[in-house]
């Protein structure tokens, strides 16, 4: 018969959920910003010029997908990327998009 939404294997389902979260431009920017160092939500908000409430909500989604981790230091939380493979995925997608764009020109 084949794979349907109802009988989708767990790994495929989780991968599709990750794609949905990574497809959010705010999540994408947060991950690119966390590429170099740990940051607080305030740091991310300032660097990306995105309201803190939006940053916090998006960080929650990234945590739920197990893409990022955090550590509480005093009254703040510092976030980082759990597995840097996600950055390779983003870069690969960017390279693919660029190659598709170049073929159109």
PDB file of N, CA and C in Angstrom:
ATOM      1  N   UNK A   1       0.803  -1.194   0.000  1.00  0.00           N
ATOM      2  CA  UNK A   1       0.000   0.000   0.000  1.00  0.00           C
ATOM      3  C   UNK A   1       0.848   1.260   0.000  1.00  0.00           C
ATOM      4  N   UNK A   2       1.748   1.422   0.897  1.00  0.00           N
ATOM      5  CA  UNK A   2       2.580   2.618   0.942  1.00  0.00           C
ATOM      6  C   UNK A   2       2.416   3.373   2.251  1.00  0.00           C
ATOM      7  N   UNK A   3       3.211   4.399   2.375  1.00  0.00           N
ATOM      8  CA  UNK A   3       3.190   5.209   3.592  1.00  0.00           C
ATOM      9  C   UNK A   3       2.110   6.281   3.461  1.00  0.00           C
ATOM     10  N   UNK A   4       1.320   6.395   4.502  1.00  0.00           N
ATOM     11  CA  UNK A   4       0.323   7.457   4.584  1.00  0.00           C
ATOM     12  C   UNK A   4       0.579   8.243   5.862  1.00  0.00           C
ATOM     13  N   UNK A   5      -0.106   9.324   6.000  1.00  0.00           N
ATOM     14  CA  UNK A   5       0.037  10.133   7.211  1.00  0.00           C
ATOM     15  C   UNK A   5      -0.322   9.315   8.453  1.00  0.00           C
ATOM     16  N   UNK A   6      -1.279   8.421   8.319  1.00  0.00           N
ATOM     17  CA  UNK A   6      -1.732   7.623   9.458  1.00  0.00           C
ATOM     18  C   UNK A   6      -0.729   6.538   9.865  1.00  0.00           C
ATOM     19  N   UNK A   7       0.047   6.001   8.916  1.00  0.00           N
ATOM     20  CA  UNK A   7       0.993   4.936   9.276  1.00  0.00           C
ATOM     21  C   UNK A   7       2.448   5.359   9.102  1.00  0.00           C
ATOM     22  N   UNK A   8       2.677   6.658   9.121  1.00  0.00           N
ATOM     23  CA  UNK A   8       4.032   7.191   8.959  1.00  0.00           C
ATOM     24  C   UNK A   8       4.933   6.721  10.099  1.00  0.00           C
ATOM     25  N   UNK A   9       6.130   6.212   9.787  1.00  0.00           N
ATOM     26  CA  UNK A   9       7.059   5.825  10.851  1.00  0.00           C
ATOM     27  C   UNK A   9       7.423   7.029  11.732  1.00  0.00           C
ATOM     28  N   UNK A  10       7.692   6.731  12.996  1.00  0.00           N
ATOM     29  CA  UNK A  10       7.990   7.782  13.982  1.00  0.00           C
ATOM     30  C   UNK A  10       9.130   8.695  13.539  1.00  0.00           C
ATOM     31  N   UNK A  11      10.190   8.135  12.989  1.00  0.00           N
ATOM     32  CA  UNK A  11      11.325   8.953  12.556  1.00  0.00           C
ATOM     33  C   UNK A  11      10.916   9.930  11.463  1.00  0.00           C
ATOM     34  N   UNK A  12      10.124   9.472  10.501  1.00  0.00           N
ATOM     35  CA  UNK A  12       9.664  10.351   9.438  1.00  0.00           C
ATOM     36  C   UNK A  12       8.756  11.443  10.002  1.00  0.00           C
ATOM     37  N   UNK A  13       7.900  11.074  10.924  1.00  0.00           N
ATOM     38  CA  UNK A  13       7.007  12.052  11.533  1.00  0.00           C
ATOM     39  C   UNK A  13       7.808  13.133  12.256  1.00  0.00           C
ATOM     40  N   UNK A  14       8.771  12.719  13.070  1.00  0.00           N
ATOM     41  CA  UNK A  14       9.591  13.687  13.806  1.00  0.00           C
ATOM     42  C   UNK A  14      10.395  14.572  12.854  1.00  0.00           C
ATOM     43  N   UNK A  15      10.917  13.996  11.773  1.00  0.00           N
ATOM     44  CA  UNK A  15      11.661  14.781  10.783  1.00  0.00           C
ATOM     45  C   UNK A  15      10.752  15.836  10.153  1.00  0.00           C
ATOM     46  N   UNK A  16       9.504  15.466   9.862  1.00  0.00           N
ATOM     47  CA  UNK A  16       8.582  16.433   9.265  1.00  0.00           C
ATOM     48  C   UNK A  16       8.278  17.564  10.244  1.00  0.00           C
ATOM     49  N   UNK A  17       8.167  17.237  11.520  1.00  0.00           N
ATOM     50  CA  UNK A  17       7.934  18.266  12.542  1.00  0.00           C
ATOM     51  C   UNK A  17       9.134  19.206  12.647  1.00  0.00           C
ATOM     52  N   UNK A  18      10.345  18.644  12.575  1.00  0.00           N
ATOM     53  CA  UNK A  18      11.549  19.485  12.606  1.00  0.00           C
ATOM     54  C   UNK A  18      11.581  20.418  11.400  1.00  0.00           C
ATOM     55  N   UNK A  19      11.217  19.904  10.229  1.00  0.00           N
ATOM     56  CA  UNK A  19      11.180  20.746   9.028  1.00  0.00           C
ATOM     57  C   UNK A  19      10.207  21.901   9.213  1.00  0.00           C
ATOM     58  N   UNK A  20       9.080  21.621   9.847  1.00  0.00           N
ATOM     59  CA  UNK A  20       8.100  22.679  10.084  1.00  0.00           C
ATOM     60  C   UNK A  20       8.691  23.767  10.978  1.00  0.00           C
ATOM     61  N   UNK A  21       9.351  23.367  12.062  1.00  0.00           N
ATOM     62  CA  UNK A  21       9.936  24.347  12.979  1.00  0.00           C
ATOM     63  C   UNK A  21      11.072  25.096  12.291  1.00  0.00           C
ATOM     64  N   UNK A  22      11.949  24.383  11.588  1.00  0.00           N
ATOM     65  CA  UNK A  22      13.078  25.032  10.921  1.00  0.00           C
ATOM     66  C   UNK A  22      12.624  25.925   9.777  1.00  0.00           C
ATOM     67  N   UNK A  23      11.423  25.695   9.269  1.00  0.00           N
ATOM     68  CA  UNK A  23      10.876  26.527   8.213  1.00  0.00           C
ATOM     69  C   UNK A  23      10.413  27.890   8.699  1.00  0.00           C
ATOM     70  N   UNK A  24      10.353  28.077   9.991  1.00  0.00           N
ATOM     71  CA  UNK A  24       9.981  29.369  10.571  1.00  0.00           C
ATOM     72  C   UNK A  24      11.191  30.299  10.457  1.00  0.00           C
ATOM     73  N   UNK A  25      11.057  31.440   9.763  1.00  0.00           N
ATOM     74  CA  UNK A  25      12.207  32.339   9.605  1.00  0.00           C
ATOM     75  C   UNK A  25      12.836  32.772  10.925  1.00  0.00           C
ATOM     76  N   UNK A  26      12.030  32.960  11.963  1.00  0.00           N
ATOM     77  CA  UNK A  26      12.591  33.346  13.257  1.00  0.00           C
ATOM     78  C   UNK A  26      13.454  32.231  13.827  1.00  0.00           C
ATOM     79  N   UNK A  27      12.990  30.992  13.752  1.00  0.00           N
ATOM     80  CA  UNK A  27      13.775  29.856  14.244  1.00  0.00           C
ATOM     81  C   UNK A  27      15.071  29.737  13.449  1.00  0.00           C
ATOM     82  N   UNK A  28      14.966  29.934  12.153  1.00  0.00           N
ATOM     83  CA  UNK A  28      16.143  29.855  11.283  1.00  0.00           C
ATOM     84  C   UNK A  28      17.183  30.901  11.707  1.00  0.00           C
ATOM     85  N   UNK A  29      16.726  32.136  11.899  1.00  0.00           N
ATOM     86  CA  UNK A  29      17.647  33.202  12.316  1.00  0.00           C
ATOM     87  C   UNK A  29      18.243  32.936  13.694  1.00  0.00           C
ATOM     88  N   UNK A  30      17.439  32.419  14.604  1.00  0.00           N
ATOM     89  CA  UNK A  30      17.953  32.103  15.942  1.00  0.00           C
ATOM     90  C   UNK A  30      19.074  31.072  15.838  1.00  0.00           C
ATOM     91  N   UNK A  31      18.856  30.023  15.079  1.00  0.00           N
ATOM     92  CA  UNK A  31      19.893  28.987  14.949  1.00  0.00           C
ATOM     93  C   UNK A  31      21.162  29.545  14.322  1.00  0.00           C
ATOM     94  N   UNK A  32      21.017  30.373  13.300  1.00  0.00           N
ATOM     95  CA  UNK A  32      22.201  30.972  12.676  1.00  0.00           C
ATOM     96  C   UNK A  32      22.923  31.884  13.670  1.00  0.00           C
ATOM     97  N   UNK A  33      22.160  32.554  14.533  1.00  0.00           N
ATOM     98  CA  UNK A  33      22.753  33.441  15.534  1.00  0.00           C
ATOM     99  C   UNK A  33      23.450  32.647  16.646  1.00  0.00           C
ATOM    100  N   UNK A  34      22.925  31.477  16.964  1.00  0.00           N
ATOM    101  CA  UNK A  34      23.539  30.632  17.991  1.00  0.00           C
ATOM    102  C   UNK A  34      24.743  29.866  17.463  1.00  0.00           C
ATOM    103  N   UNK A  35      25.046  30.027  16.200  1.00  0.00           N
ATOM    104  CA  UNK A  35      26.169  29.334  15.569  1.00  0.00           C
ATOM    105  C   UNK A  35      27.491  29.635  16.276  1.00  0.00           C
ATOM    106  N   UNK A  36      27.682  30.860  16.728  1.00  0.00           N
ATOM    107  CA  UNK A  36      28.988  31.270  17.250  1.00  0.00           C
ATOM    108  C   UNK A  36      29.131  31.140  18.758  1.00  0.00           C
ATOM    109  N   UNK A  37      28.031  31.292  19.502  1.00  0.00           N
ATOM    110  CA  UNK A  37      28.161  31.232  20.962  1.00  0.00           C
ATOM    111  C   UNK A  37      26.792  31.103  21.620  1.00  0.00           C
ATOM    112  N   UNK A  38      26.834  30.818  22.917  1.00  0.00           N
ATOM    113  CA  UNK A  38      25.606  30.773  23.716  1.00  0.00           C
ATOM    114  C   UNK A  38      25.049  32.183  23.828  1.00  0.00           C
ATOM    115  N   UNK A  39      23.720  32.260  23.853  1.00  0.00           N
ATOM    116  CA  UNK A  39      23.089  33.572  23.965  1.00  0.00           C
ATOM    117  C   UNK A  39      21.831  33.481  24.815  1.00  0.00           C
ATOM    118  N   UNK A  40      21.511  34.584  25.454  1.00  0.00           N
ATOM    119  CA  UNK A  40      20.269  34.690  26.207  1.00  0.00           C
ATOM    120  C   UNK A  40      19.156  35.128  25.249  1.00  0.00           C
ATOM    121  N   UNK A  41      17.896  34.966  25.657  1.00  0.00           N
ATOM    122  CA  UNK A  41      16.814  35.483  24.820  1.00  0.00           C
ATOM    123  C   UNK A  41      16.963  36.982  24.537  1.00  0.00           C
ATOM    124  N   UNK A  42      17.411  37.734  25.527  1.00  0.00           N
ATOM    125  CA  UNK A  42      17.632  39.171  25.335  1.00  0.00           C
ATOM    126  C   UNK A  42      18.702  39.446  24.292  1.00  0.00           C
ATOM    127  N   UNK A  43      19.799  38.667  24.340  1.00  0.00           N
ATOM    128  CA  UNK A  43      20.861  38.806  23.332  1.00  0.00           C
ATOM    129  C   UNK A  43      20.304  38.562  21.934  1.00  0.00           C
ATOM    130  N   UNK A  44      19.499  37.497  21.809  1.00  0.00           N
ATOM    131  CA  UNK A  44      18.917  37.150  20.507  1.00  0.00           C
ATOM    132  C   UNK A  44      17.964  38.235  20.030  1.00  0.00           C
ATOM    133  N   UNK A  45      17.143  38.736  20.930  1.00  0.00           N
ATOM    134  CA  UNK A  45      16.193  39.785  20.583  1.00  0.00           C
ATOM    135  C   UNK A  45      16.915  41.028  20.074  1.00  0.00           C
ATOM    136  N   UNK A  46      17.969  41.413  20.766  1.00  0.00           N
ATOM    137  CA  UNK A  46      18.750  42.589  20.367  1.00  0.00           C
ATOM    138  C   UNK A  46      19.454  42.360  19.035  1.00  0.00           C
ATOM    139  N   UNK A  47      20.095  41.212  18.893  1.00  0.00           N
ATOM    140  CA  UNK A  47      20.865  40.931  17.670  1.00  0.00           C
ATOM    141  C   UNK A  47      19.968  40.815  16.443  1.00  0.00           C
ATOM    142  N   UNK A  48      18.785  40.248  16.617  1.00  0.00           N
ATOM    143  CA  UNK A  48      17.915  39.977  15.472  1.00  0.00           C
ATOM    144  C   UNK A  48      16.811  41.019  15.281  1.00  0.00           C
ATOM    145  N   UNK A  49      16.691  41.955  16.236  1.00  0.00           N
ATOM    146  CA  UNK A  49      15.648  42.983  16.176  1.00  0.00           C
ATOM    147  C   UNK A  49      14.256  42.352  16.088  1.00  0.00           C
ATOM    148  N   UNK A  50      14.059  41.343  16.929  1.00  0.00           N
ATOM    149  CA  UNK A  50      12.784  40.625  16.999  1.00  0.00           C
ATOM    150  C   UNK A  50      12.298  40.729  18.442  1.00  0.00           C
ATOM    151  N   UNK A  51      10.996  40.983  18.644  1.00  0.00           N
ATOM    152  CA  UNK A  51      10.482  41.115  20.018  1.00  0.00           C
ATOM    153  C   UNK A  51      10.806  39.896  20.886  1.00  0.00           C
ATOM    154  N   UNK A  52      11.080  40.163  22.139  1.00  0.00           N
ATOM    155  CA  UNK A  52      11.455  39.108  23.082  1.00  0.00           C
ATOM    156  C   UNK A  52      10.377  38.035  23.191  1.00  0.00           C
ATOM    157  N   UNK A  53       9.113  38.411  23.128  1.00  0.00           N
ATOM    158  CA  UNK A  53       8.046  37.408  23.216  1.00  0.00           C
ATOM    159  C   UNK A  53       8.115  36.425  22.043  1.00  0.00           C
ATOM    160  N   UNK A  54       8.424  36.931  20.859  1.00  0.00           N
ATOM    161  CA  UNK A  54       8.550  36.069  19.680  1.00  0.00           C
ATOM    162  C   UNK A  54       9.762  35.161  19.826  1.00  0.00           C
ATOM    163  N   UNK A  55      10.855  35.711  20.317  1.00  0.00           N
ATOM    164  CA  UNK A  55      12.071  34.913  20.548  1.00  0.00           C
ATOM    165  C   UNK A  55      11.767  33.796  21.537  1.00  0.00           C
ATOM    166  N   UNK A  56      11.130  34.125  22.648  1.00  0.00           N
ATOM    167  CA  UNK A  56      10.836  33.133  23.691  1.00  0.00           C
ATOM    168  C   UNK A  56       9.943  32.008  23.174  1.00  0.00           C
ATOM    169  N   UNK A  57       8.919  32.372  22.417  1.00  0.00           N
ATOM    170  CA  UNK A  57       8.014  31.364  21.866  1.00  0.00           C
ATOM    171  C   UNK A  57       8.765  30.438  20.900  1.00  0.00           C
ATOM    172  N   UNK A  58       9.613  31.017  20.083  1.00  0.00           N
ATOM    173  CA  UNK A  58      10.357  30.223  19.104  1.00  0.00           C
ATOM    174  C   UNK A  58      11.393  29.345  19.795  1.00  0.00           C
ATOM    175  N   UNK A  59      12.034  29.850  20.829  1.00  0.00           N
ATOM    176  CA  UNK A  59      12.974  29.030  21.599  1.00  0.00           C
ATOM    177  C   UNK A  59      12.253  27.830  22.202  1.00  0.00           C
ATOM    178  N   UNK A  60      11.035  28.036  22.671  1.00  0.00           N
ATOM    179  CA  UNK A  60      10.249  26.926  23.227  1.00  0.00           C
ATOM    180  C   UNK A  60      10.021  25.847  22.165  1.00  0.00           C
ATOM    181  N   UNK A  61       9.673  26.252  20.950  1.00  0.00           N
ATOM    182  CA  UNK A  61       9.464  25.283  19.872  1.00  0.00           C
ATOM    183  C   UNK A  61      10.754  24.539  19.535  1.00  0.00           C
ATOM    184  N   UNK A  62      11.865  25.247  19.506  1.00  0.00           N
ATOM    185  CA  UNK A  62      13.152  24.597  19.220  1.00  0.00           C
ATOM    186  C   UNK A  62      13.540  23.627  20.339  1.00  0.00           C
ATOM    187  N   UNK A  63      13.219  23.975  21.583  1.00  0.00           N
ATOM    188  CA  UNK A  63      13.473  23.056  22.707  1.00  0.00           C
ATOM    189  C   UNK A  63      12.603  21.814  22.589  1.00  0.00           C
ATOM    190  N   UNK A  64      11.336  21.997  22.230  1.00  0.00           N
ATOM    191  CA  UNK A  64      10.421  20.865  22.091  1.00  0.00           C
ATOM    192  C   UNK A  64      10.901  19.894  21.018  1.00  0.00           C
ATOM    193  N   UNK A  65      11.548  20.400  20.005  1.00  0.00           N
ATOM    194  CA  UNK A  65      12.090  19.555  18.924  1.00  0.00           C
ATOM    195  C   UNK A  65      13.469  19.010  19.293  1.00  0.00           C
ATOM    196  N   UNK A  66      13.983  19.392  20.455  1.00  0.00           N
ATOM    197  CA  UNK A  66      15.277  18.935  20.957  1.00  0.00           C
ATOM    198  C   UNK A  66      16.434  19.412  20.073  1.00  0.00           C
ATOM    199  N   UNK A  67      16.286  20.620  19.521  1.00  0.00           N
ATOM    200  CA  UNK A  67      17.322  21.200  18.662  1.00  0.00           C
ATOM    201  C   UNK A  67      18.281  22.047  19.492  1.00  0.00           C
ATOM    202  N   UNK A  68      17.781  22.669  20.551  1.00  0.00           N
ATOM    203  CA  UNK A  68      18.613  23.519  21.405  1.00  0.00           C
ATOM    204  C   UNK A  68      18.508  23.074  22.858  1.00  0.00           C
ATOM    205  N   UNK A  69      19.441  23.547  23.636  1.00  0.00           N
ATOM    206  CA  UNK A  69      19.472  23.316  25.088  1.00  0.00           C
ATOM    207  C   UNK A  69      19.634  24.672  25.770  1.00  0.00           C
ATOM    208  N   UNK A  70      19.418  24.686  27.074  1.00  0.00           N
ATOM    209  CA  UNK A  70      19.659  25.909  27.828  1.00  0.00           C
ATOM    210  C   UNK A  70      20.185  25.575  29.209  1.00  0.00           C
ATOM    211  N   UNK A  71      20.814  26.579  29.804  1.00  0.00           N
ATOM    212  CA  UNK A  71      21.315  26.486  31.166  1.00  0.00           C
ATOM    213  C   UNK A  71      20.912  27.759  31.882  1.00  0.00           C
ATOM    214  N   UNK A  72      20.379  27.609  33.083  1.00  0.00           N
ATOM    215  CA  UNK A  72      19.977  28.769  33.867  1.00  0.00           C
ATOM    216  C   UNK A  72      21.185  29.288  34.636  1.00  0.00           C
ATOM    217  N   UNK A  73      21.411  30.588  34.467  1.00  0.00           N
ATOM    218  CA  UNK A  73      22.481  31.267  35.206  1.00  0.00           C
ATOM    219  C   UNK A  73      21.856  32.464  35.899  1.00  0.00           C
ATOM    220  N   UNK A  74      21.643  32.315  37.200  1.00  0.00           N
ATOM    221  CA  UNK A  74      20.946  33.378  37.928  1.00  0.00           C
ATOM    222  C   UNK A  74      19.511  33.456  37.463  1.00  0.00           C
ATOM    223  N   UNK A  75      19.138  34.635  36.973  1.00  0.00           N
ATOM    224  CA  UNK A  75      17.765  34.830  36.507  1.00  0.00           C
ATOM    225  C   UNK A  75      17.647  34.710  34.988  1.00  0.00           C
ATOM    226  N   UNK A  76      18.719  34.361  34.319  1.00  0.00           N
ATOM    227  CA  UNK A  76      18.667  34.273  32.854  1.00  0.00           C
ATOM    228  C   UNK A  76      18.973  32.852  32.387  1.00  0.00           C
ATOM    229  N   UNK A  77      18.635  32.603  31.151  1.00  0.00           N
ATOM    230  CA  UNK A  77      18.933  31.315  30.524  1.00  0.00           C
ATOM    231  C   UNK A  77      19.824  31.569  29.321  1.00  0.00           C
ATOM    232  N   UNK A  78      20.836  30.742  29.192  1.00  0.00           N
ATOM    233  CA  UNK A  78      21.702  30.789  28.015  1.00  0.00           C
ATOM    234  C   UNK A  78      21.382  29.592  27.134  1.00  0.00           C
ATOM    235  N   UNK A  79      21.191  29.857  25.866  1.00  0.00           N
ATOM    236  CA  UNK A  79      20.819  28.821  24.906  1.00  0.00           C
ATOM    237  C   UNK A  79      21.972  28.509  23.985  1.00  0.00           C
ATOM    238  N   UNK A  80      22.021  27.256  23.527  1.00  0.00           N
ATOM    239  CA  UNK A  80      22.998  26.830  22.537  1.00  0.00           C
ATOM    240  C   UNK A  80      22.398  25.707  21.706  1.00  0.00           C
ATOM    241  N   UNK A  81      23.048  25.421  20.598  1.00  0.00           N
ATOM    242  CA  UNK A  81      22.595  24.358  19.703  1.00  0.00           C
ATOM    243  C   UNK A  81      23.066  23.025  20.255  1.00  0.00           C
ATOM    244  N   UNK A  82      22.137  22.094  20.386  1.00  0.00           N
ATOM    245  CA  UNK A  82      22.449  20.786  20.963  1.00  0.00           C
ATOM    246  C   UNK A  82      23.402  19.988  20.077  1.00  0.00           C
ATOM    247  N   UNK A  83      23.100  19.916  18.802  1.00  0.00           N
ATOM    248  CA  UNK A  83      23.914  19.130  17.865  1.00  0.00           C
ATOM    249  C   UNK A  83      24.173  19.986  16.633  1.00  0.00           C
ATOM    250  N   UNK A  84      25.419  20.251  16.356  1.00  0.00           N
ATOM    251  CA  UNK A  84      25.786  21.159  15.272  1.00  0.00           C
ATOM    252  C   UNK A  84      25.444  20.607  13.885  1.00  0.00           C
ATOM    253  N   UNK A  85      24.990  19.374  13.819  1.00  0.00           N
ATOM    254  CA  UNK A  85      24.553  18.824  12.530  1.00  0.00           C
ATOM    255  C   UNK A  85      23.427  19.660  11.942  1.00  0.00           C
ATOM    256  N   UNK A  86      22.620  20.268  12.800  1.00  0.00           N
ATOM    257  CA  UNK A  86      21.516  21.085  12.299  1.00  0.00           C
ATOM    258  C   UNK A  86      22.051  22.261  11.491  1.00  0.00           C
ATOM    259  N   UNK A  87      23.205  22.793  11.878  1.00  0.00           N
ATOM    260  CA  UNK A  87      23.811  23.884  11.104  1.00  0.00           C
ATOM    261  C   UNK A  87      24.259  23.398   9.735  1.00  0.00           C
ATOM    262  N   UNK A  88      24.771  22.177   9.668  1.00  0.00           N
ATOM    263  CA  UNK A  88      25.152  21.619   8.362  1.00  0.00           C
ATOM    264  C   UNK A  88      23.929  21.462   7.473  1.00  0.00           C
ATOM    265  N   UNK A  89      22.806  21.107   8.081  1.00  0.00           N
ATOM    266  CA  UNK A  89      21.558  20.989   7.317  1.00  0.00           C
ATOM    267  C   UNK A  89      21.174  22.355   6.751  1.00  0.00           C
ATOM    268  N   UNK A  90      21.225  23.396   7.583  1.00  0.00           N
ATOM    269  CA  UNK A  90      20.871  24.736   7.125  1.00  0.00           C
ATOM    270  C   UNK A  90      21.790  25.196   5.995  1.00  0.00           C
ATOM    271  N   UNK A  91      23.075  24.969   6.154  1.00  0.00           N
ATOM    272  CA  UNK A  91      24.045  25.373   5.125  1.00  0.00           C
ATOM    273  C   UNK A  91      23.810  24.594   3.840  1.00  0.00           C
ATOM    274  N   UNK A  92      23.520  23.306   3.950  1.00  0.00           N
ATOM    275  CA  UNK A  92      23.238  22.489   2.766  1.00  0.00           C
ATOM    276  C   UNK A  92      22.009  23.013   2.034  1.00  0.00           C
ATOM    277  N   UNK A  93      20.969  23.367   2.780  1.00  0.00           N
ATOM    278  CA  UNK A  93      19.761  23.909   2.158  1.00  0.00           C
ATOM    279  C   UNK A  93      20.074  25.245   1.487  1.00  0.00           C
ATOM    280  N   UNK A  94      20.862  26.089   2.153  1.00  0.00           N
ATOM    281  CA  UNK A  94      21.237  27.373   1.560  1.00  0.00           C
ATOM    282  C   UNK A  94      22.012  27.163   0.257  1.00  0.00           C
ATOM    283  N   UNK A  95      22.931  26.216   0.257  1.00  0.00           N
ATOM    284  CA  UNK A  95      23.694  25.922  -0.963  1.00  0.00           C
ATOM    285  C   UNK A  95      22.774  25.409  -2.068  1.00  0.00           C
ATOM    286  N   UNK A  96      21.827  24.561  -1.718  1.00  0.00           N
ATOM    287  CA  UNK A  96      20.884  24.042  -2.701  1.00  0.00           C
ATOM    288  C   UNK A  96      20.044  25.173  -3.284  1.00  0.00           C
ATOM    289  N   UNK A  97      19.533  26.060  -2.412  1.00  0.00           N
ATOM    290  CA  UNK A  97      18.730  27.194  -2.883  1.00  0.00           C
ATOM    291  C   UNK A  97      19.554  28.066  -3.826  1.00  0.00           C
ATOM    292  N   UNK A  98      20.788  28.320  -3.474  1.00  0.00           N
ATOM    293  CA  UNK A  98      21.659  29.136  -4.325  1.00  0.00           C
ATOM    294  C   UNK A  98      21.881  28.478  -5.678  1.00  0.00           C
ATOM    295  N   UNK A  99      22.068  27.164  -5.686  1.00  0.00           N
ATOM    296  CA  UNK A  99      22.282  26.468  -6.970  1.00  0.00           C
ATOM    297  C   UNK A  99      21.027  26.492  -7.835  1.00  0.00           C
ATOM    298  N   UNK A 100      19.860  26.391  -7.219  1.00  0.00           N
ATOM    299  CA  UNK A 100      18.598  26.473  -7.963  1.00  0.00           C
ATOM    300  C   UNK A 100      18.447  27.879  -8.545  1.00  0.00           C
ATOM    301  N   UNK A 101      18.772  28.883  -7.764  1.00  0.00           N
ATOM    302  CA  UNK A 101      18.675  30.272  -8.229  1.00  0.00           C
ATOM    303  C   UNK A 101      19.647  30.510  -9.380  1.00  0.00           C
ATOM    304  N   UNK A 102      20.859  29.961  -9.281  1.00  0.00           N
ATOM    305  CA  UNK A 102      21.870  30.161 -10.327  1.00  0.00           C
ATOM    306  C   UNK A 102      21.437  29.508 -11.624  1.00  0.00           C
ATOM    307  N   UNK A 103      20.764  28.380 -11.552  1.00  0.00           N
ATOM    308  CA  UNK A 103      20.304  27.680 -12.757  1.00  0.00           C
ATOM    309  C   UNK A 103      19.203  28.464 -13.481  1.00  0.00           C
ATOM    310  N   UNK A 104      18.450  29.256 -12.732  1.00  0.00           N
ATOM    311  CA  UNK A 104      17.386  30.062 -13.331  1.00  0.00           C
ATOM    312  C   UNK A 104      17.949  31.239 -14.118  1.00  0.00           C
ATOM    313  N   UNK A 105      19.077  31.757 -13.658  1.00  0.00           N
ATOM    314  CA  UNK A 105      19.644  32.965 -14.292  1.00  0.00           C
ATOM    315  C   UNK A 105      20.222  32.689 -15.666  1.00  0.00           C
TER     316      UNK A 105
END
